Amino acid sequence: MSAYDLSFTKVAKVSEIPDGKMKMIKFNDKEILIVNVKGIFYAISNTCIHKGGNLSEGSLEDNILTCPIHGSKFDVTTGKCVHRPRNIFTKAKKDDAVSYELRLNGEDILLQKESPWRIS
């Protein structure tokens, strides 16, 4: 990455998020969850798509994050919802969590400033 690439901004240090751990950050009025899965960093929205649960309070097993409210499960590597809520009366407003592009620059974790992207 070029030192002059202004489309990314530093949001954390690699050492702040050990393997298998998460860190919630606030960026441009959004809560974004950065997750370390075996040394690779991913970023998704911190808000569950079903009832607005705080995903940073959920449980992470490998690359699957479980929402603490209704048990929805998300693949943090893509943002895809891989398991719907336990509560059959809960309807999702959308299918997947928003995912964001990250880059590493030495020990710095950089987040893309522009629109979020999704892996289809």
PDB file of N, CA and C in Angstrom:
ATOM      1  N   MET A   1       0.841  -1.179   0.000  1.00  0.00           N
ATOM      2  CA  MET A   1       0.000   0.000   0.000  1.00  0.00           C
ATOM      3  C   MET A   1       0.883   1.238   0.000  1.00  0.00           C
ATOM      4  N   SER A   2       0.511   2.186  -0.803  1.00  0.00           N
ATOM      5  CA  SER A   2       1.252   3.426  -0.889  1.00  0.00           C
ATOM      6  C   SER A   2       1.094   4.234   0.404  1.00  0.00           C
ATOM      7  N   ALA A   3       2.150   4.895   0.796  1.00  0.00           N
ATOM      8  CA  ALA A   3       2.088   5.749   1.980  1.00  0.00           C
ATOM      9  C   ALA A   3       1.132   6.915   1.760  1.00  0.00           C
ATOM     10  N   TYR A   4       0.789   7.188   0.500  1.00  0.00           N
ATOM     11  CA  TYR A   4      -0.085   8.306   0.166  1.00  0.00           C
ATOM     12  C   TYR A   4      -1.517   7.872  -0.116  1.00  0.00           C
ATOM     13  N   ASP A   5      -1.859   6.638   0.142  1.00  0.00           N
ATOM     14  CA  ASP A   5      -3.216   6.148  -0.087  1.00  0.00           C
ATOM     15  C   ASP A   5      -4.113   6.666   1.027  1.00  0.00           C
ATOM     16  N   LEU A   6      -4.912   7.679   0.720  1.00  0.00           N
ATOM     17  CA  LEU A   6      -5.744   8.317   1.730  1.00  0.00           C
ATOM     18  C   LEU A   6      -7.121   7.687   1.855  1.00  0.00           C
ATOM     19  N   SER A   7      -7.392   6.607   1.108  1.00  0.00           N
ATOM     20  CA  SER A   7      -8.703   5.970   1.185  1.00  0.00           C
ATOM     21  C   SER A   7      -8.813   5.020   2.384  1.00  0.00           C
ATOM     22  N   PHE A   8      -7.711   4.824   3.109  1.00  0.00           N
ATOM     23  CA  PHE A   8      -7.705   3.986   4.313  1.00  0.00           C
ATOM     24  C   PHE A   8      -7.206   4.806   5.482  1.00  0.00           C
ATOM     25  N   THR A   9      -7.716   4.489   6.669  1.00  0.00           N
ATOM     26  CA  THR A   9      -7.269   5.185   7.870  1.00  0.00           C
ATOM     27  C   THR A   9      -6.987   4.175   8.983  1.00  0.00           C
ATOM     28  N   LYS A  10      -6.010   4.478   9.817  1.00  0.00           N
ATOM     29  CA  LYS A  10      -5.632   3.594  10.913  1.00  0.00           C
ATOM     30  C   LYS A  10      -6.737   3.563  11.967  1.00  0.00           C
ATOM     31  N   VAL A  11      -7.138   2.342  12.362  1.00  0.00           N
ATOM     32  CA  VAL A  11      -8.190   2.200  13.368  1.00  0.00           C
ATOM     33  C   VAL A  11      -7.762   1.360  14.571  1.00  0.00           C
ATOM     34  N   ALA A  12      -6.678   0.612  14.439  1.00  0.00           N
ATOM     35  CA  ALA A  12      -6.212  -0.237  15.545  1.00  0.00           C
ATOM     36  C   ALA A  12      -4.801  -0.726  15.249  1.00  0.00           C
ATOM     37  N   LYS A  13      -4.218  -1.369  16.246  1.00  0.00           N
ATOM     38  CA  LYS A  13      -2.913  -2.031  16.092  1.00  0.00           C
ATOM     39  C   LYS A  13      -3.139  -3.539  16.136  1.00  0.00           C
ATOM     40  N   VAL A  14      -2.341  -4.275  15.403  1.00  0.00           N
ATOM     41  CA  VAL A  14      -2.422  -5.736  15.364  1.00  0.00           C
ATOM     42  C   VAL A  14      -2.348  -6.305  16.779  1.00  0.00           C
ATOM     43  N   SER A  15      -1.480  -5.764  17.606  1.00  0.00           N
ATOM     44  CA  SER A  15      -1.279  -6.281  18.964  1.00  0.00           C
ATOM     45  C   SER A  15      -2.504  -6.098  19.866  1.00  0.00           C
ATOM     46  N   GLU A  16      -3.436  -5.231  19.483  1.00  0.00           N
ATOM     47  CA  GLU A  16      -4.639  -4.995  20.287  1.00  0.00           C
ATOM     48  C   GLU A  16      -5.681  -6.099  20.134  1.00  0.00           C
ATOM     49  N   ILE A  17      -5.553  -6.909  19.071  1.00  0.00           N
ATOM     50  CA  ILE A  17      -6.578  -7.915  18.785  1.00  0.00           C
ATOM     51  C   ILE A  17      -5.902  -9.267  18.571  1.00  0.00           C
ATOM     52  N   PRO A  18      -5.694 -10.028  19.633  1.00  0.00           N
ATOM     53  CA  PRO A  18      -5.051 -11.346  19.500  1.00  0.00           C
ATOM     54  C   PRO A  18      -5.914 -12.315  18.679  1.00  0.00           C
ATOM     55  N   ASP A  19      -5.309 -13.393  18.246  1.00  0.00           N
ATOM     56  CA  ASP A  19      -6.014 -14.420  17.479  1.00  0.00           C
ATOM     57  C   ASP A  19      -7.249 -14.898  18.241  1.00  0.00           C
ATOM     58  N   GLY A  20      -8.372 -14.959  17.542  1.00  0.00           N
ATOM     59  CA  GLY A  20      -9.617 -15.417  18.149  1.00  0.00           C
ATOM     60  C   GLY A  20     -10.350 -14.366  18.958  1.00  0.00           C
ATOM     61  N   LYS A  21      -9.895 -13.120  18.881  1.00  0.00           N
ATOM     62  CA  LYS A  21     -10.512 -12.031  19.646  1.00  0.00           C
ATOM     63  C   LYS A  21     -11.101 -10.980  18.712  1.00  0.00           C
ATOM     64  N   MET A  22     -11.882 -10.054  19.302  1.00  0.00           N
ATOM     65  CA  MET A  22     -12.563  -9.013  18.557  1.00  0.00           C
ATOM     66  C   MET A  22     -12.363  -7.673  19.250  1.00  0.00           C
ATOM     67  N   LYS A  23     -12.535  -6.617  18.475  1.00  0.00           N
ATOM     68  CA  LYS A  23     -12.495  -5.264  19.046  1.00  0.00           C
ATOM     69  C   LYS A  23     -13.511  -4.411  18.295  1.00  0.00           C
ATOM     70  N   MET A  24     -14.391  -3.747  19.054  1.00  0.00           N
ATOM     71  CA  MET A  24     -15.361  -2.851  18.447  1.00  0.00           C
ATOM     72  C   MET A  24     -14.761  -1.456  18.393  1.00  0.00           C
ATOM     73  N   ILE A  25     -14.913  -0.812  17.228  1.00  0.00           N
ATOM     74  CA  ILE A  25     -14.456   0.565  17.068  1.00  0.00           C
ATOM     75  C   ILE A  25     -15.627   1.411  16.581  1.00  0.00           C
ATOM     76  N   LYS A  26     -15.534   2.700  16.798  1.00  0.00           N
ATOM     77  CA  LYS A  26     -16.507   3.633  16.215  1.00  0.00           C
ATOM     78  C   LYS A  26     -15.786   4.396  15.115  1.00  0.00           C
ATOM     79  N   PHE A  27     -16.423   4.411  13.938  1.00  0.00           N
ATOM     80  CA  PHE A  27     -15.820   5.062  12.777  1.00  0.00           C
ATOM     81  C   PHE A  27     -16.934   5.689  11.951  1.00  0.00           C
ATOM     82  N   ASN A  28     -16.854   6.990  11.751  1.00  0.00           N
ATOM     83  CA  ASN A  28     -17.879   7.715  10.977  1.00  0.00           C
ATOM     84  C   ASN A  28     -19.292   7.398  11.471  1.00  0.00           C
ATOM     85  N   ASP A  29     -19.505   7.483  12.755  1.00  0.00           N
ATOM     86  CA  ASP A  29     -20.821   7.245  13.379  1.00  0.00           C
ATOM     87  C   ASP A  29     -21.317   5.813  13.233  1.00  0.00           C
ATOM     88  N   LYS A  30     -20.439   4.873  12.924  1.00  0.00           N
ATOM     89  CA  LYS A  30     -20.816   3.463  12.816  1.00  0.00           C
ATOM     90  C   LYS A  30     -19.990   2.658  13.809  1.00  0.00           C
ATOM     91  N   GLU A  31     -20.604   1.604  14.340  1.00  0.00           N
ATOM     92  CA  GLU A  31     -19.863   0.659  15.163  1.00  0.00           C
ATOM     93  C   GLU A  31     -19.429  -0.491  14.266  1.00  0.00           C
ATOM     94  N   ILE A  32     -18.124  -0.721  14.230  1.00  0.00           N
ATOM     95  CA  ILE A  32     -17.536  -1.749  13.371  1.00  0.00           C
ATOM     96  C   ILE A  32     -16.749  -2.696  14.251  1.00  0.00           C
ATOM     97  N   LEU A  33     -16.900  -3.976  13.980  1.00  0.00           N
ATOM     98  CA  LEU A  33     -16.230  -5.010  14.752  1.00  0.00           C
ATOM     99  C   LEU A  33     -15.067  -5.571  13.939  1.00  0.00           C
ATOM    100  N   ILE A  34     -13.868  -5.461  14.495  1.00  0.00           N
ATOM    101  CA  ILE A  34     -12.679  -6.034  13.856  1.00  0.00           C
ATOM    102  C   ILE A  34     -12.386  -7.356  14.543  1.00  0.00           C
ATOM    103  N   VAL A  35     -12.190  -8.401  13.729  1.00  0.00           N
ATOM    104  CA  VAL A  35     -12.027  -9.760  14.239  1.00  0.00           C
ATOM    105  C   VAL A  35     -10.724 -10.344  13.701  1.00  0.00           C
ATOM    106  N   ASN A  36      -9.979 -11.023  14.575  1.00  0.00           N
ATOM    107  CA  ASN A  36      -8.751 -11.712  14.175  1.00  0.00           C
ATOM    108  C   ASN A  36      -9.046 -13.210  14.109  1.00  0.00           C
ATOM    109  N   VAL A  37      -8.977 -13.765  12.897  1.00  0.00           N
ATOM    110  CA  VAL A  37      -9.183 -15.196  12.687  1.00  0.00           C
ATOM    111  C   VAL A  37      -7.874 -15.769  12.160  1.00  0.00           C
ATOM    112  N   LYS A  38      -7.141 -16.419  13.046  1.00  0.00           N
ATOM    113  CA  LYS A  38      -5.869 -17.056  12.703  1.00  0.00           C
ATOM    114  C   LYS A  38      -4.893 -16.101  12.017  1.00  0.00           C
ATOM    115  N   GLY A  39      -4.830 -14.875  12.565  1.00  0.00           N
ATOM    116  CA  GLY A  39      -3.879 -13.894  12.064  1.00  0.00           C
ATOM    117  C   GLY A  39      -4.357 -13.065  10.888  1.00  0.00           C
ATOM    118  N   ILE A  40      -5.568 -13.308  10.419  1.00  0.00           N
ATOM    119  CA  ILE A  40      -6.146 -12.516   9.333  1.00  0.00           C
ATOM    120  C   ILE A  40      -7.277 -11.689   9.935  1.00  0.00           C
ATOM    121  N   PHE A  41      -7.309 -10.411   9.586  1.00  0.00           N
ATOM    122  CA  PHE A  41      -8.266  -9.493  10.178  1.00  0.00           C
ATOM    123  C   PHE A  41      -9.429  -9.225   9.232  1.00  0.00           C
ATOM    124  N   TYR A  42     -10.627  -9.183   9.827  1.00  0.00           N
ATOM    125  CA  TYR A  42     -11.863  -8.924   9.076  1.00  0.00           C
ATOM    126  C   TYR A  42     -12.650  -7.866   9.837  1.00  0.00           C
ATOM    127  N   ALA A  43     -13.529  -7.162   9.113  1.00  0.00           N
ATOM    128  CA  ALA A  43     -14.365  -6.141   9.751  1.00  0.00           C
ATOM    129  C   ALA A  43     -15.792  -6.274   9.249  1.00  0.00           C
ATOM    130  N   ILE A  44     -16.727  -6.305  10.217  1.00  0.00           N
ATOM    131  CA  ILE A  44     -18.152  -6.322   9.885  1.00  0.00           C
ATOM    132  C   ILE A  44     -18.872  -5.336  10.806  1.00  0.00           C
ATOM    133  N   SER A  45     -20.105  -5.028  10.447  1.00  0.00           N
ATOM    134  CA  SER A  45     -20.923  -4.174  11.297  1.00  0.00           C
ATOM    135  C   SER A  45     -21.075  -4.825  12.662  1.00  0.00           C
ATOM    136  N   ASN A  46     -21.068  -4.031  13.708  1.00  0.00           N
ATOM    137  CA  ASN A  46     -21.220  -4.552  15.064  1.00  0.00           C
ATOM    138  C   ASN A  46     -22.685  -4.810  15.418  1.00  0.00           C
ATOM    139  N   THR A  47     -23.599  -4.378  14.578  1.00  0.00           N
ATOM    140  CA  THR A  47     -25.026  -4.487  14.869  1.00  0.00           C
ATOM    141  C   THR A  47     -25.633  -5.684  14.155  1.00  0.00           C
ATOM    142  N   CYS A  48     -26.276  -6.568  14.903  1.00  0.00           N
ATOM    143  CA  CYS A  48     -26.943  -7.727  14.307  1.00  0.00           C
ATOM    144  C   CYS A  48     -28.094  -7.246  13.429  1.00  0.00           C
ATOM    145  N   ILE A  49     -28.295  -7.912  12.319  1.00  0.00           N
ATOM    146  CA  ILE A  49     -29.324  -7.510  11.356  1.00  0.00           C
ATOM    147  C   ILE A  49     -30.734  -7.833  11.814  1.00  0.00           C
ATOM    148  N   HIS A  50     -30.886  -8.624  12.855  1.00  0.00           N
ATOM    149  CA  HIS A  50     -32.217  -9.074  13.260  1.00  0.00           C
ATOM    150  C   HIS A  50     -32.861  -8.182  14.315  1.00  0.00           C
ATOM    151  N   LYS A  51     -32.229  -7.994  15.418  1.00  0.00           N
ATOM    152  CA  LYS A  51     -32.797  -7.168  16.487  1.00  0.00           C
ATOM    153  C   LYS A  51     -31.815  -6.108  16.972  1.00  0.00           C
ATOM    154  N   GLY A  52     -30.770  -5.862  16.201  1.00  0.00           N
ATOM    155  CA  GLY A  52     -29.828  -4.819  16.578  1.00  0.00           C
ATOM    156  C   GLY A  52     -28.894  -5.198  17.702  1.00  0.00           C
ATOM    157  N   GLY A  53     -28.721  -6.488  17.927  1.00  0.00           N
ATOM    158  CA  GLY A  53     -27.833  -6.954  18.984  1.00  0.00           C
ATOM    159  C   GLY A  53     -26.403  -6.489  18.776  1.00  0.00           C
ATOM    160  N   ASN A  54     -25.689  -6.341  19.864  1.00  0.00           N
ATOM    161  CA  ASN A  54     -24.307  -5.907  19.866  1.00  0.00           C
ATOM    162  C   ASN A  54     -23.420  -7.138  19.631  1.00  0.00           C
ATOM    163  N   LEU A  55     -22.949  -7.339  18.396  1.00  0.00           N
ATOM    164  CA  LEU A  55     -22.190  -8.546  18.062  1.00  0.00           C
ATOM    165  C   LEU A  55     -20.891  -8.659  18.850  1.00  0.00           C
ATOM    166  N   SER A  56     -20.333  -7.542  19.296  1.00  0.00           N
ATOM    167  CA  SER A  56     -19.092  -7.601  20.077  1.00  0.00           C
ATOM    168  C   SER A  56     -19.298  -8.307  21.419  1.00  0.00           C
ATOM    169  N   GLU A  57     -20.551  -8.476  21.834  1.00  0.00           N
ATOM    170  CA  GLU A  57     -20.859  -9.208  23.060  1.00  0.00           C
ATOM    171  C   GLU A  57     -21.167 -10.676  22.778  1.00  0.00           C
ATOM    172  N   GLY A  58     -21.106 -11.063  21.509  1.00  0.00           N
ATOM    173  CA  GLY A  58     -21.377 -12.440  21.117  1.00  0.00           C
ATOM    174  C   GLY A  58     -20.163 -13.329  21.289  1.00  0.00           C
ATOM    175  N   SER A  59     -20.322 -14.580  20.867  1.00  0.00           N
ATOM    176  CA  SER A  59     -19.216 -15.536  20.988  1.00  0.00           C
ATOM    177  C   SER A  59     -18.647 -15.849  19.605  1.00  0.00           C
ATOM    178  N   LEU A  60     -17.322 -15.972  19.566  1.00  0.00           N
ATOM    179  CA  LEU A  60     -16.601 -16.250  18.328  1.00  0.00           C
ATOM    180  C   LEU A  60     -15.989 -17.639  18.414  1.00  0.00           C
ATOM    181  N   GLU A  61     -16.284 -18.472  17.424  1.00  0.00           N
ATOM    182  CA  GLU A  61     -15.676 -19.792  17.316  1.00  0.00           C
ATOM    183  C   GLU A  61     -15.152 -19.925  15.900  1.00  0.00           C
ATOM    184  N   ASP A  62     -13.827 -19.953  15.766  1.00  0.00           N
ATOM    185  CA  ASP A  62     -13.155 -19.886  14.465  1.00  0.00           C
ATOM    186  C   ASP A  62     -13.620 -18.625  13.750  1.00  0.00           C
ATOM    187  N   ASN A  63     -14.300 -18.768  12.608  1.00  0.00           N
ATOM    188  CA  ASN A  63     -14.752 -17.598  11.862  1.00  0.00           C
ATOM    189  C   ASN A  63     -16.254 -17.340  12.011  1.00  0.00           C
ATOM    190  N   ILE A  64     -16.920 -18.045  12.923  1.00  0.00           N
ATOM    191  CA  ILE A  64     -18.362 -17.897  13.114  1.00  0.00           C
ATOM    192  C   ILE A  64     -18.641 -17.110  14.395  1.00  0.00           C
ATOM    193  N   LEU A  65     -19.376 -16.008  14.240  1.00  0.00           N
ATOM    194  CA  LEU A  65     -19.747 -15.138  15.343  1.00  0.00           C
ATOM    195  C   LEU A  65     -21.229 -15.315  15.630  1.00  0.00           C
ATOM    196  N   THR A  66     -21.562 -15.602  16.887  1.00  0.00           N
ATOM    197  CA  THR A  66     -22.950 -15.824  17.293  1.00  0.00           C
ATOM    198  C   THR A  66     -23.465 -14.614  18.060  1.00  0.00           C
ATOM    199  N   CYS A  67     -24.603 -14.085  17.605  1.00  0.00           N
ATOM    200  CA  CYS A  67     -25.226 -12.939  18.269  1.00  0.00           C
ATOM    201  C   CYS A  67     -25.728 -13.366  19.644  1.00  0.00           C
ATOM    202  N   PRO A  68     -25.525 -12.528  20.668  1.00  0.00           N
ATOM    203  CA  PRO A  68     -25.943 -12.899  22.021  1.00  0.00           C
ATOM    204  C   PRO A  68     -27.454 -12.827  22.251  1.00  0.00           C
ATOM    205  N   ILE A  69     -28.206 -12.224  21.353  1.00  0.00           N
ATOM    206  CA  ILE A  69     -29.640 -12.053  21.589  1.00  0.00           C
ATOM    207  C   ILE A  69     -30.456 -13.252  21.107  1.00  0.00           C
ATOM    208  N   HIS A  70     -30.392 -13.559  19.815  1.00  0.00           N
ATOM    209  CA  HIS A  70     -31.227 -14.632  19.267  1.00  0.00           C
ATOM    210  C   HIS A  70     -30.424 -15.780  18.654  1.00  0.00           C
ATOM    211  N   GLY A  71     -29.107 -15.713  18.701  1.00  0.00           N
ATOM    212  CA  GLY A  71     -28.299 -16.821  18.213  1.00  0.00           C
ATOM    213  C   GLY A  71     -28.034 -16.824  16.721  1.00  0.00           C
ATOM    214  N   SER A  72     -28.283 -15.721  16.032  1.00  0.00           N
ATOM    215  CA  SER A  72     -27.919 -15.642  14.616  1.00  0.00           C
ATOM    216  C   SER A  72     -26.411 -15.834  14.505  1.00  0.00           C
ATOM    217  N   LYS A  73     -25.975 -16.468  13.417  1.00  0.00           N
ATOM    218  CA  LYS A  73     -24.551 -16.725  13.234  1.00  0.00           C
ATOM    219  C   LYS A  73     -24.083 -16.103  11.934  1.00  0.00           C
ATOM    220  N   PHE A  74     -22.908 -15.476  12.016  1.00  0.00           N
ATOM    221  CA  PHE A  74     -22.328 -14.788  10.872  1.00  0.00           C
ATOM    222  C   PHE A  74     -20.918 -15.291  10.618  1.00  0.00           C
ATOM    223  N   ASP A  75     -20.592 -15.469   9.340  1.00  0.00           N
ATOM    224  CA  ASP A  75     -19.223 -15.773   8.948  1.00  0.00           C
ATOM    225  C   ASP A  75     -18.513 -14.427   8.851  1.00  0.00           C
ATOM    226  N   VAL A  76     -17.583 -14.163   9.759  1.00  0.00           N
ATOM    227  CA  VAL A  76     -16.933 -12.853   9.804  1.00  0.00           C
ATOM    228  C   VAL A  76     -16.027 -12.608   8.604  1.00  0.00           C
ATOM    229  N   THR A  77     -15.666 -13.662   7.881  1.00  0.00           N
ATOM    230  CA  THR A  77     -14.803 -13.480   6.720  1.00  0.00           C
ATOM    231  C   THR A  77     -15.565 -12.889   5.538  1.00  0.00           C
ATOM    232  N   THR A  78     -16.897 -13.008   5.553  1.00  0.00           N
ATOM    233  CA  THR A  78     -17.713 -12.510   4.442  1.00  0.00           C
ATOM    234  C   THR A  78     -18.871 -11.626   4.882  1.00  0.00           C
ATOM    235  N   GLY A  79     -19.280 -11.725   6.141  1.00  0.00           N
ATOM    236  CA  GLY A  79     -20.467 -11.028   6.624  1.00  0.00           C
ATOM    237  C   GLY A  79     -21.743 -11.821   6.411  1.00  0.00           C
ATOM    238  N   LYS A  80     -21.667 -12.956   5.744  1.00  0.00           N
ATOM    239  CA  LYS A  80     -22.847 -13.768   5.431  1.00  0.00           C
ATOM    240  C   LYS A  80     -23.480 -14.331   6.695  1.00  0.00           C
ATOM    241  N   CYS A  81     -24.806 -14.277   6.741  1.00  0.00           N
ATOM    242  CA  CYS A  81     -25.557 -14.913   7.824  1.00  0.00           C
ATOM    243  C   CYS A  81     -25.643 -16.395   7.495  1.00  0.00           C
ATOM    244  N   VAL A  82     -25.098 -17.237   8.358  1.00  0.00           N
ATOM    245  CA  VAL A  82     -25.082 -18.675   8.093  1.00  0.00           C
ATOM    246  C   VAL A  82     -26.106 -19.430   8.925  1.00  0.00           C
ATOM    247  N   HIS A  83     -26.759 -18.720   9.851  1.00  0.00           N
ATOM    248  CA  HIS A  83     -27.809 -19.331  10.674  1.00  0.00           C
ATOM    249  C   HIS A  83     -28.742 -18.226  11.151  1.00  0.00           C
ATOM    250  N   ARG A  84     -30.013 -18.391  10.879  1.00  0.00           N
ATOM    251  CA  ARG A  84     -31.029 -17.413  11.272  1.00  0.00           C
ATOM    252  C   ARG A  84     -31.301 -17.482  12.775  1.00  0.00           C
ATOM    253  N   PRO A  85     -32.007 -16.496  13.319  1.00  0.00           N
ATOM    254  CA  PRO A  85     -32.299 -16.467  14.755  1.00  0.00           C
ATOM    255  C   PRO A  85     -33.102 -17.676  15.215  1.00  0.00           C
ATOM    256  N   ARG A  86     -32.933 -18.013  16.502  1.00  0.00           N
ATOM    257  CA  ARG A  86     -33.715 -19.099  17.102  1.00  0.00           C
ATOM    258  C   ARG A  86     -35.188 -18.733  17.178  1.00  0.00           C
ATOM    259  N   ASN A  87     -35.492 -17.464  17.360  1.00  0.00           N
ATOM    260  CA  ASN A  87     -36.861 -16.997  17.518  1.00  0.00           C
ATOM    261  C   ASN A  87     -37.544 -16.927  16.151  1.00  0.00           C
ATOM    262  N   ILE A  88     -38.551 -17.761  15.913  1.00  0.00           N
ATOM    263  CA  ILE A  88     -39.189 -17.810  14.600  1.00  0.00           C
ATOM    264  C   ILE A  88     -39.989 -16.553  14.282  1.00  0.00           C
ATOM    265  N   PHE A  89     -40.257 -15.726  15.286  1.00  0.00           N
ATOM    266  CA  PHE A  89     -41.027 -14.508  15.063  1.00  0.00           C
ATOM    267  C   PHE A  89     -40.139 -13.323  14.700  1.00  0.00           C
ATOM    268  N   THR A  90     -38.822 -13.507  14.724  1.00  0.00           N
ATOM    269  CA  THR A  90     -37.894 -12.432  14.404  1.00  0.00           C
ATOM    270  C   THR A  90     -37.619 -12.441  12.907  1.00  0.00           C
ATOM    271  N   LYS A  91     -37.842 -11.335  12.266  1.00  0.00           N
ATOM    272  CA  LYS A  91     -37.587 -11.193  10.830  1.00  0.00           C
ATOM    273  C   LYS A  91     -36.369 -10.294  10.635  1.00  0.00           C
ATOM    274  N   ALA A  92     -35.516 -10.684   9.724  1.00  0.00           N
ATOM    275  CA  ALA A  92     -34.344  -9.873   9.425  1.00  0.00           C
ATOM    276  C   ALA A  92     -34.715  -8.754   8.462  1.00  0.00           C
ATOM    277  N   LYS A  93     -34.130  -7.583   8.671  1.00  0.00           N
ATOM    278  CA  LYS A  93     -34.332  -6.476   7.748  1.00  0.00           C
ATOM    279  C   LYS A  93     -33.531  -6.697   6.474  1.00  0.00           C
ATOM    280  N   LYS A  94     -32.426  -7.400   6.591  1.00  0.00           N
ATOM    281  CA  LYS A  94     -31.594  -7.758   5.447  1.00  0.00           C
ATOM    282  C   LYS A  94     -30.908  -9.062   5.772  1.00  0.00           C
ATOM    283  N   ASP A  95     -30.242  -9.635   4.808  1.00  0.00           N
ATOM    284  CA  ASP A  95     -29.706 -10.979   4.977  1.00  0.00           C
ATOM    285  C   ASP A  95     -28.364 -11.060   5.702  1.00  0.00           C
ATOM    286  N   ASP A  96     -27.448 -10.190   5.368  1.00  0.00           N
ATOM    287  CA  ASP A  96     -26.074 -10.327   5.830  1.00  0.00           C
ATOM    288  C   ASP A  96     -25.596  -9.076   6.562  1.00  0.00           C
ATOM    289  N   ALA A  97     -24.557  -9.259   7.356  1.00  0.00           N
ATOM    290  CA  ALA A  97     -23.919  -8.121   8.009  1.00  0.00           C
ATOM    291  C   ALA A  97     -23.067  -7.386   6.978  1.00  0.00           C
ATOM    292  N   VAL A  98     -22.954  -6.096   7.135  1.00  0.00           N
ATOM    293  CA  VAL A  98     -22.099  -5.301   6.251  1.00  0.00           C
ATOM    294  C   VAL A  98     -20.653  -5.631   6.575  1.00  0.00           C
ATOM    295  N   SER A  99     -19.851  -5.855   5.559  1.00  0.00           N
ATOM    296  CA  SER A  99     -18.429  -6.108   5.776  1.00  0.00           C
ATOM    297  C   SER A  99     -17.624  -4.940   5.210  1.00  0.00           C
ATOM    298  N   TYR A 100     -16.456  -4.726   5.777  1.00  0.00           N
ATOM    299  CA  TYR A 100     -15.611  -3.596   5.414  1.00  0.00           C
ATOM    300  C   TYR A 100     -14.224  -4.100   5.040  1.00  0.00           C
ATOM    301  N   GLU A 101     -13.571  -3.375   4.148  1.00  0.00           N
ATOM    302  CA  GLU A 101     -12.234  -3.762   3.722  1.00  0.00           C
ATOM    303  C   GLU A 101     -11.187  -3.241   4.700  1.00  0.00           C
ATOM    304  N   LEU A 102     -10.283  -4.130   5.062  1.00  0.00           N
ATOM    305  CA  LEU A 102      -9.153  -3.785   5.926  1.00  0.00           C
ATOM    306  C   LEU A 102      -7.858  -4.027   5.177  1.00  0.00           C
ATOM    307  N   ARG A 103      -6.835  -3.348   5.593  1.00  0.00           N
ATOM    308  CA  ARG A 103      -5.465  -3.605   5.126  1.00  0.00           C
ATOM    309  C   ARG A 103      -4.542  -3.497   6.331  1.00  0.00           C
ATOM    310  N   LEU A 104      -3.415  -4.164   6.228  1.00  0.00           N
ATOM    311  CA  LEU A 104      -2.379  -4.036   7.254  1.00  0.00           C
ATOM    312  C   LEU A 104      -1.237  -3.224   6.681  1.00  0.00           C
ATOM    313  N   ASN A 105      -0.679  -2.367   7.521  1.00  0.00           N
ATOM    314  CA  ASN A 105       0.515  -1.615   7.165  1.00  0.00           C
ATOM    315  C   ASN A 105       1.444  -1.725   8.363  1.00  0.00           C
ATOM    316  N   GLY A 106       2.322  -2.734   8.320  1.00  0.00           N
ATOM    317  CA  GLY A 106       3.157  -3.018   9.479  1.00  0.00           C
ATOM    318  C   GLY A 106       2.281  -3.502  10.612  1.00  0.00           C
ATOM    319  N   GLU A 107       2.292  -2.805  11.747  1.00  0.00           N
ATOM    320  CA  GLU A 107       1.472  -3.153  12.915  1.00  0.00           C
ATOM    321  C   GLU A 107       0.115  -2.453  12.915  1.00  0.00           C
ATOM    322  N   ASP A 108      -0.128  -1.604  11.918  1.00  0.00           N
ATOM    323  CA  ASP A 108      -1.369  -0.841  11.873  1.00  0.00           C
ATOM    324  C   ASP A 108      -2.453  -1.568  11.085  1.00  0.00           C
ATOM    325  N   ILE A 109      -3.676  -1.540  11.618  1.00  0.00           N
ATOM    326  CA  ILE A 109      -4.848  -2.048  10.900  1.00  0.00           C
ATOM    327  C   ILE A 109      -5.557  -0.837  10.323  1.00  0.00           C
ATOM    328  N   LEU A 110      -5.758  -0.846   9.011  1.00  0.00           N
ATOM    329  CA  LEU A 110      -6.348   0.275   8.306  1.00  0.00           C
ATOM    330  C   LEU A 110      -7.714  -0.116   7.768  1.00  0.00           C
ATOM    331  N   LEU A 111      -8.665   0.782   7.882  1.00  0.00           N
ATOM    332  CA  LEU A 111     -10.036   0.563   7.417  1.00  0.00           C
ATOM    333  C   LEU A 111     -10.301   1.485   6.237  1.00  0.00           C
ATOM    334  N   GLN A 112     -10.970   0.924   5.218  1.00  0.00           N
ATOM    335  CA  GLN A 112     -11.318   1.758   4.068  1.00  0.00           C
ATOM    336  C   GLN A 112     -12.350   2.802   4.488  1.00  0.00           C
ATOM    337  N   LYS A 113     -12.128   4.030   4.098  1.00  0.00           N
ATOM    338  CA  LYS A 113     -13.001   5.141   4.488  1.00  0.00           C
ATOM    339  C   LYS A 113     -14.286   5.168   3.697  1.00  0.00           C
ATOM    340  N   GLU A 114     -14.265   4.628   2.485  1.00  0.00           N
ATOM    341  CA  GLU A 114     -15.430   4.715   1.599  1.00  0.00           C
ATOM    342  C   GLU A 114     -16.480   3.689   1.960  1.00  0.00           C
ATOM    343  N   SER A 115     -17.402   3.493   1.063  1.00  0.00           N
ATOM    344  CA  SER A 115     -18.534   2.588   1.279  1.00  0.00           C
ATOM    345  C   SER A 115     -18.093   1.180   1.611  1.00  0.00           C
ATOM    346  N   PRO A 116     -18.895   0.500   2.435  1.00  0.00           N
ATOM    347  CA  PRO A 116     -18.606  -0.905   2.736  1.00  0.00           C
ATOM    348  C   PRO A 116     -18.793  -1.760   1.498  1.00  0.00           C
ATOM    349  N   TRP A 117     -18.207  -2.920   1.510  1.00  0.00           N
ATOM    350  CA  TRP A 117     -18.334  -3.843   0.389  1.00  0.00           C
ATOM    351  C   TRP A 117     -18.822  -5.172   0.914  1.00  0.00           C
ATOM    352  N   ARG A 118     -19.309  -5.990   0.022  1.00  0.00           N
ATOM    353  CA  ARG A 118     -19.769  -7.325   0.361  1.00  0.00           C
ATOM    354  C   ARG A 118     -19.115  -8.331  -0.581  1.00  0.00           C
ATOM    355  N   ILE A 119     -18.873  -9.510  -0.079  1.00  0.00           N
ATOM    356  CA  ILE A 119     -18.423 -10.606  -0.927  1.00  0.00           C
ATOM    357  C   ILE A 119     -19.670 -11.381  -1.315  1.00  0.00           C
ATOM    358  N   SER A 120     -19.902 -11.545  -2.616  1.00  0.00           N
ATOM    359  CA  SER A 120     -21.119 -12.272  -3.003  1.00  0.00           C
ATOM    360  C   SER A 120     -20.877 -13.753  -3.140  1.00  0.00           C
TER     361      SER A 120
END
